[in-house]
Amino acid sequence: MGKRRSFSPQFKTEAVLELLRGRKTQAQICREREIGADQLSRWRDQLLERLPSVFENGSHRSEEHARTEELEHLIGRLTIELDAAKKLSGLLDSPPLRSGRRS
């Protein structure tokens, strides 16, 4: 069985754009680029499916970024609180010294 070929995003984009321009048939593009028609169709479908996201405004991404920062801050605070609680627990669990103080 042969090794699977890997195609760069640039190669895929160029092939799909050739197809969408309509100057060549799908068969011509596939022959010239040595790819299967099914493969080219999949790439076209992927591109068309993801195309609307190119025109989304940045607000959705900035909201996600703000939420990520908020969660990272919360994780940091909880980590500090957990470390403090572990230290306090260790102090409270240690046996008292003869002087009556804990170690």
N, C-alpha and C. Protein backbone atom coordinates (compact mmCIF):
# COMPACT_ATOMS: atom_id res chain seq x y z
N MET A 1 0.84 -1.17 0.00
CA MET A 1 0.00 0.00 0.00
C MET A 1 0.89 1.24 0.00
N GLY A 2 0.55 2.24 -0.78
CA GLY A 2 1.37 3.45 -0.92
C GLY A 2 1.23 4.40 0.25
N LYS A 3 2.19 5.30 0.30
CA LYS A 3 2.19 6.31 1.34
C LYS A 3 1.16 7.38 0.99
N ARG A 4 0.44 7.89 2.01
CA ARG A 4 -0.54 8.95 1.78
C ARG A 4 0.17 10.25 1.47
N ARG A 5 -0.34 10.93 0.49
CA ARG A 5 0.26 12.22 0.14
C ARG A 5 -0.32 13.31 1.03
N SER A 6 0.48 14.31 1.25
CA SER A 6 0.07 15.44 2.05
C SER A 6 0.14 16.70 1.19
N PHE A 7 -0.89 17.53 1.28
CA PHE A 7 -0.94 18.73 0.47
C PHE A 7 -0.94 19.96 1.37
N SER A 8 -0.23 20.98 0.95
CA SER A 8 -0.16 22.22 1.72
C SER A 8 -1.48 22.97 1.62
N PRO A 9 -1.77 23.80 2.60
CA PRO A 9 -2.97 24.63 2.50
C PRO A 9 -2.97 25.50 1.25
N GLN A 10 -1.81 25.97 0.86
CA GLN A 10 -1.69 26.81 -0.34
C GLN A 10 -2.09 26.01 -1.59
N PHE A 11 -1.63 24.78 -1.68
CA PHE A 11 -1.96 23.91 -2.83
C PHE A 11 -3.47 23.70 -2.90
N LYS A 12 -4.07 23.39 -1.74
CA LYS A 12 -5.51 23.14 -1.69
C LYS A 12 -6.28 24.39 -2.10
N THR A 13 -5.86 25.53 -1.59
CA THR A 13 -6.54 26.79 -1.89
C THR A 13 -6.49 27.09 -3.38
N GLU A 14 -5.32 26.95 -3.96
CA GLU A 14 -5.17 27.23 -5.39
C GLU A 14 -6.04 26.30 -6.23
N ALA A 15 -6.08 25.03 -5.86
CA ALA A 15 -6.87 24.06 -6.62
C ALA A 15 -8.35 24.40 -6.54
N VAL A 16 -8.83 24.72 -5.33
CA VAL A 16 -10.26 25.04 -5.16
C VAL A 16 -10.60 26.36 -5.86
N LEU A 17 -9.72 27.34 -5.78
CA LEU A 17 -9.99 28.61 -6.46
C LEU A 17 -10.07 28.42 -7.98
N GLU A 18 -9.21 27.57 -8.51
CA GLU A 18 -9.29 27.26 -9.96
C GLU A 18 -10.66 26.69 -10.29
N LEU A 19 -11.13 25.78 -9.44
CA LEU A 19 -12.42 25.15 -9.66
C LEU A 19 -13.54 26.19 -9.58
N LEU A 20 -13.50 27.05 -8.57
CA LEU A 20 -14.56 28.04 -8.38
C LEU A 20 -14.57 29.11 -9.47
N ARG A 21 -13.42 29.40 -10.03
CA ARG A 21 -13.35 30.39 -11.12
C ARG A 21 -14.04 29.88 -12.38
N GLY A 22 -14.05 28.56 -12.54
CA GLY A 22 -14.75 27.95 -13.67
C GLY A 22 -14.03 28.02 -14.99
N ARG A 23 -12.77 28.41 -15.00
CA ARG A 23 -12.03 28.48 -16.26
C ARG A 23 -11.59 27.10 -16.74
N LYS A 24 -11.50 26.17 -15.80
CA LYS A 24 -11.12 24.78 -16.13
C LYS A 24 -12.16 23.86 -15.51
N THR A 25 -12.29 22.69 -16.10
CA THR A 25 -13.21 21.71 -15.54
C THR A 25 -12.53 21.03 -14.35
N GLN A 26 -13.36 20.39 -13.56
CA GLN A 26 -12.83 19.65 -12.42
C GLN A 26 -11.87 18.57 -12.89
N ALA A 27 -12.20 17.92 -13.97
CA ALA A 27 -11.34 16.86 -14.51
C ALA A 27 -9.97 17.41 -14.93
N GLN A 28 -9.96 18.60 -15.56
CA GLN A 28 -8.69 19.20 -15.96
C GLN A 28 -7.82 19.53 -14.74
N ILE A 29 -8.42 20.11 -13.75
CA ILE A 29 -7.67 20.47 -12.53
C ILE A 29 -7.11 19.23 -11.87
N CYS A 30 -7.92 18.20 -11.79
CA CYS A 30 -7.47 16.95 -11.15
C CYS A 30 -6.33 16.31 -11.92
N ARG A 31 -6.43 16.30 -13.22
CA ARG A 31 -5.34 15.74 -14.04
C ARG A 31 -4.05 16.53 -13.86
N GLU A 32 -4.15 17.85 -13.96
CA GLU A 32 -2.96 18.71 -13.86
C GLU A 32 -2.30 18.62 -12.48
N ARG A 33 -3.10 18.51 -11.47
CA ARG A 33 -2.56 18.52 -10.10
C ARG A 33 -2.40 17.11 -9.52
N GLU A 34 -2.80 16.13 -10.29
CA GLU A 34 -2.68 14.72 -9.90
C GLU A 34 -3.38 14.44 -8.58
N ILE A 35 -4.65 14.85 -8.53
CA ILE A 35 -5.49 14.59 -7.36
C ILE A 35 -6.81 14.00 -7.83
N GLY A 36 -7.52 13.38 -6.92
CA GLY A 36 -8.80 12.79 -7.25
C GLY A 36 -9.93 13.81 -7.19
N ALA A 37 -10.96 13.55 -7.95
CA ALA A 37 -12.11 14.45 -7.99
C ALA A 37 -12.79 14.52 -6.63
N ASP A 38 -12.87 13.37 -5.94
CA ASP A 38 -13.48 13.36 -4.61
C ASP A 38 -12.71 14.25 -3.65
N GLN A 39 -11.39 14.21 -3.75
CA GLN A 39 -10.53 15.02 -2.88
C GLN A 39 -10.78 16.50 -3.13
N LEU A 40 -10.80 16.88 -4.37
CA LEU A 40 -11.03 18.28 -4.73
C LEU A 40 -12.42 18.73 -4.26
N SER A 41 -13.40 17.88 -4.37
CA SER A 41 -14.75 18.21 -3.91
C SER A 41 -14.78 18.41 -2.40
N ARG A 42 -14.06 17.56 -1.67
CA ARG A 42 -14.00 17.70 -0.21
C ARG A 42 -13.36 19.03 0.17
N TRP A 43 -12.27 19.38 -0.50
CA TRP A 43 -11.60 20.65 -0.21
C TRP A 43 -12.53 21.83 -0.50
N ARG A 44 -13.26 21.75 -1.61
CA ARG A 44 -14.20 22.81 -1.97
C ARG A 44 -15.27 22.95 -0.88
N ASP A 45 -15.82 21.82 -0.46
CA ASP A 45 -16.87 21.84 0.57
C ASP A 45 -16.34 22.42 1.89
N GLN A 46 -15.11 22.04 2.26
CA GLN A 46 -14.51 22.57 3.48
C GLN A 46 -14.35 24.09 3.39
N LEU A 47 -13.87 24.56 2.26
CA LEU A 47 -13.67 26.00 2.08
C LEU A 47 -15.00 26.74 2.16
N LEU A 48 -15.99 26.26 1.44
CA LEU A 48 -17.28 26.94 1.42
C LEU A 48 -17.94 26.92 2.80
N GLU A 49 -17.73 25.86 3.55
CA GLU A 49 -18.30 25.75 4.90
C GLU A 49 -17.66 26.77 5.85
N ARG A 50 -16.36 26.98 5.71
CA ARG A 50 -15.64 27.87 6.62
C ARG A 50 -15.60 29.32 6.15
N LEU A 51 -15.98 29.58 4.94
CA LEU A 51 -15.89 30.92 4.37
C LEU A 51 -16.62 32.00 5.16
N PRO A 52 -17.82 31.75 5.67
CA PRO A 52 -18.52 32.82 6.42
C PRO A 52 -17.73 33.33 7.63
N SER A 53 -16.91 32.49 8.22
CA SER A 53 -16.15 32.93 9.40
C SER A 53 -15.12 34.00 9.05
N VAL A 54 -14.75 34.10 7.78
CA VAL A 54 -13.81 35.14 7.36
C VAL A 54 -14.42 36.52 7.58
N PHE A 55 -15.72 36.63 7.44
CA PHE A 55 -16.39 37.91 7.51
C PHE A 55 -17.00 38.20 8.88
N GLU A 56 -16.80 37.31 9.84
CA GLU A 56 -17.29 37.58 11.20
C GLU A 56 -16.50 38.73 11.78
N ASN A 57 -17.20 39.55 12.55
CA ASN A 57 -16.46 40.64 13.19
C ASN A 57 -15.65 40.07 14.35
N GLY A 58 -14.72 40.82 14.81
CA GLY A 58 -13.81 40.36 15.85
C GLY A 58 -14.43 40.29 17.23
N SER A 59 -15.68 40.72 17.41
CA SER A 59 -16.28 40.75 18.74
C SER A 59 -16.41 39.35 19.33
N HIS A 60 -16.74 38.38 18.51
CA HIS A 60 -16.89 37.01 19.02
C HIS A 60 -15.55 36.51 19.56
N ARG A 61 -14.49 36.75 18.81
CA ARG A 61 -13.18 36.30 19.23
C ARG A 61 -12.71 37.06 20.46
N SER A 62 -12.99 38.38 20.52
CA SER A 62 -12.55 39.15 21.67
C SER A 62 -13.33 38.73 22.92
N GLU A 63 -14.59 38.34 22.76
CA GLU A 63 -15.37 37.82 23.89
C GLU A 63 -14.74 36.53 24.39
N GLU A 64 -14.36 35.66 23.48
CA GLU A 64 -13.72 34.41 23.87
C GLU A 64 -12.39 34.69 24.57
N HIS A 65 -11.64 35.65 24.05
CA HIS A 65 -10.35 36.00 24.65
C HIS A 65 -10.55 36.55 26.06
N ALA A 66 -11.55 37.41 26.24
CA ALA A 66 -11.83 37.98 27.56
C ALA A 66 -12.25 36.88 28.53
N ARG A 67 -13.07 35.97 28.07
CA ARG A 67 -13.51 34.86 28.94
C ARG A 67 -12.33 33.97 29.30
N THR A 68 -11.44 33.71 28.35
CA THR A 68 -10.24 32.91 28.62
C THR A 68 -9.37 33.59 29.66
N GLU A 69 -9.16 34.89 29.52
CA GLU A 69 -8.37 35.63 30.50
C GLU A 69 -9.00 35.58 31.88
N GLU A 70 -10.33 35.72 31.93
CA GLU A 70 -11.05 35.66 33.19
C GLU A 70 -10.85 34.29 33.86
N LEU A 71 -10.96 33.23 33.08
CA LEU A 71 -10.80 31.88 33.62
C LEU A 71 -9.36 31.63 34.08
N GLU A 72 -8.39 32.15 33.31
CA GLU A 72 -6.99 31.99 33.71
C GLU A 72 -6.73 32.72 35.02
N HIS A 73 -7.31 33.89 35.19
CA HIS A 73 -7.16 34.65 36.43
C HIS A 73 -7.76 33.87 37.60
N LEU A 74 -8.96 33.30 37.38
CA LEU A 74 -9.62 32.51 38.41
C LEU A 74 -8.78 31.28 38.78
N ILE A 75 -8.22 30.61 37.80
CA ILE A 75 -7.36 29.45 38.07
C ILE A 75 -6.16 29.86 38.90
N GLY A 76 -5.55 31.00 38.56
CA GLY A 76 -4.41 31.48 39.33
C GLY A 76 -4.78 31.77 40.77
N ARG A 77 -5.90 32.44 40.96
CA ARG A 77 -6.35 32.76 42.33
C ARG A 77 -6.65 31.49 43.13
N LEU A 78 -7.33 30.55 42.51
CA LEU A 78 -7.67 29.29 43.19
C LEU A 78 -6.42 28.48 43.51
N THR A 79 -5.43 28.54 42.64
CA THR A 79 -4.16 27.83 42.89
C THR A 79 -3.48 28.42 44.12
N ILE A 80 -3.46 29.74 44.23
CA ILE A 80 -2.85 30.39 45.39
C ILE A 80 -3.61 30.04 46.65
N GLU A 81 -4.94 30.06 46.60
CA GLU A 81 -5.75 29.71 47.76
C GLU A 81 -5.53 28.25 48.16
N LEU A 82 -5.42 27.37 47.20
CA LEU A 82 -5.18 25.95 47.50
C LEU A 82 -3.83 25.75 48.17
N ASP A 83 -2.80 26.42 47.64
CA ASP A 83 -1.47 26.33 48.26
C ASP A 83 -1.50 26.83 49.69
N ALA A 84 -2.19 27.94 49.93
CA ALA A 84 -2.29 28.49 51.29
C ALA A 84 -3.03 27.53 52.20
N ALA A 85 -4.10 26.93 51.70
CA ALA A 85 -4.87 25.98 52.51
C ALA A 85 -4.04 24.75 52.85
N LYS A 86 -3.24 24.28 51.90
CA LYS A 86 -2.37 23.12 52.17
C LYS A 86 -1.35 23.45 53.25
N LYS A 87 -0.76 24.65 53.17
CA LYS A 87 0.23 25.05 54.17
C LYS A 87 -0.43 25.17 55.54
N LEU A 88 -1.58 25.78 55.60
CA LEU A 88 -2.29 25.93 56.86
C LEU A 88 -2.69 24.58 57.43
N SER A 89 -3.13 23.69 56.56
CA SER A 89 -3.51 22.35 57.00
C SER A 89 -2.30 21.62 57.56
N GLY A 90 -1.15 21.78 56.93
CA GLY A 90 0.08 21.16 57.43
C GLY A 90 0.47 21.69 58.78
N LEU A 91 0.28 22.97 59.02
CA LEU A 91 0.60 23.57 60.31
C LEU A 91 -0.34 23.09 61.39
N LEU A 92 -1.63 22.97 61.05
CA LEU A 92 -2.62 22.55 62.04
C LEU A 92 -2.50 21.06 62.37
N ASP A 93 -2.03 20.27 61.43
CA ASP A 93 -1.91 18.83 61.65
C ASP A 93 -0.61 18.44 62.35
N SER A 94 0.35 19.34 62.43
CA SER A 94 1.63 18.99 63.04
C SER A 94 1.48 18.89 64.56
N PRO A 95 2.21 17.96 65.20
CA PRO A 95 2.09 17.79 66.65
C PRO A 95 2.71 18.99 67.38
N PRO A 96 2.17 19.37 68.52
CA PRO A 96 2.70 20.51 69.27
C PRO A 96 4.08 20.18 69.84
N LEU A 97 4.93 21.22 69.95
CA LEU A 97 6.23 21.05 70.58
C LEU A 97 6.04 21.06 72.09
N ARG A 98 7.10 20.73 72.83
CA ARG A 98 7.01 20.71 74.29
C ARG A 98 6.66 22.10 74.83
N SER A 99 7.05 23.11 74.12
CA SER A 99 6.78 24.47 74.57
C SER A 99 5.31 24.83 74.37
N GLY A 100 4.55 23.94 73.74
CA GLY A 100 3.14 24.19 73.52
C GLY A 100 2.84 24.77 72.15
N ARG A 101 3.89 25.14 71.44
CA ARG A 101 3.70 25.66 70.09
C ARG A 101 3.78 24.52 69.08
N ARG A 102 3.21 24.76 67.96
CA ARG A 102 3.29 23.76 66.86
C ARG A 102 4.50 24.04 66.01
N SER A 103 5.02 22.99 65.40
CA SER A 103 6.19 23.17 64.55
C SER A 103 5.85 23.79 63.23
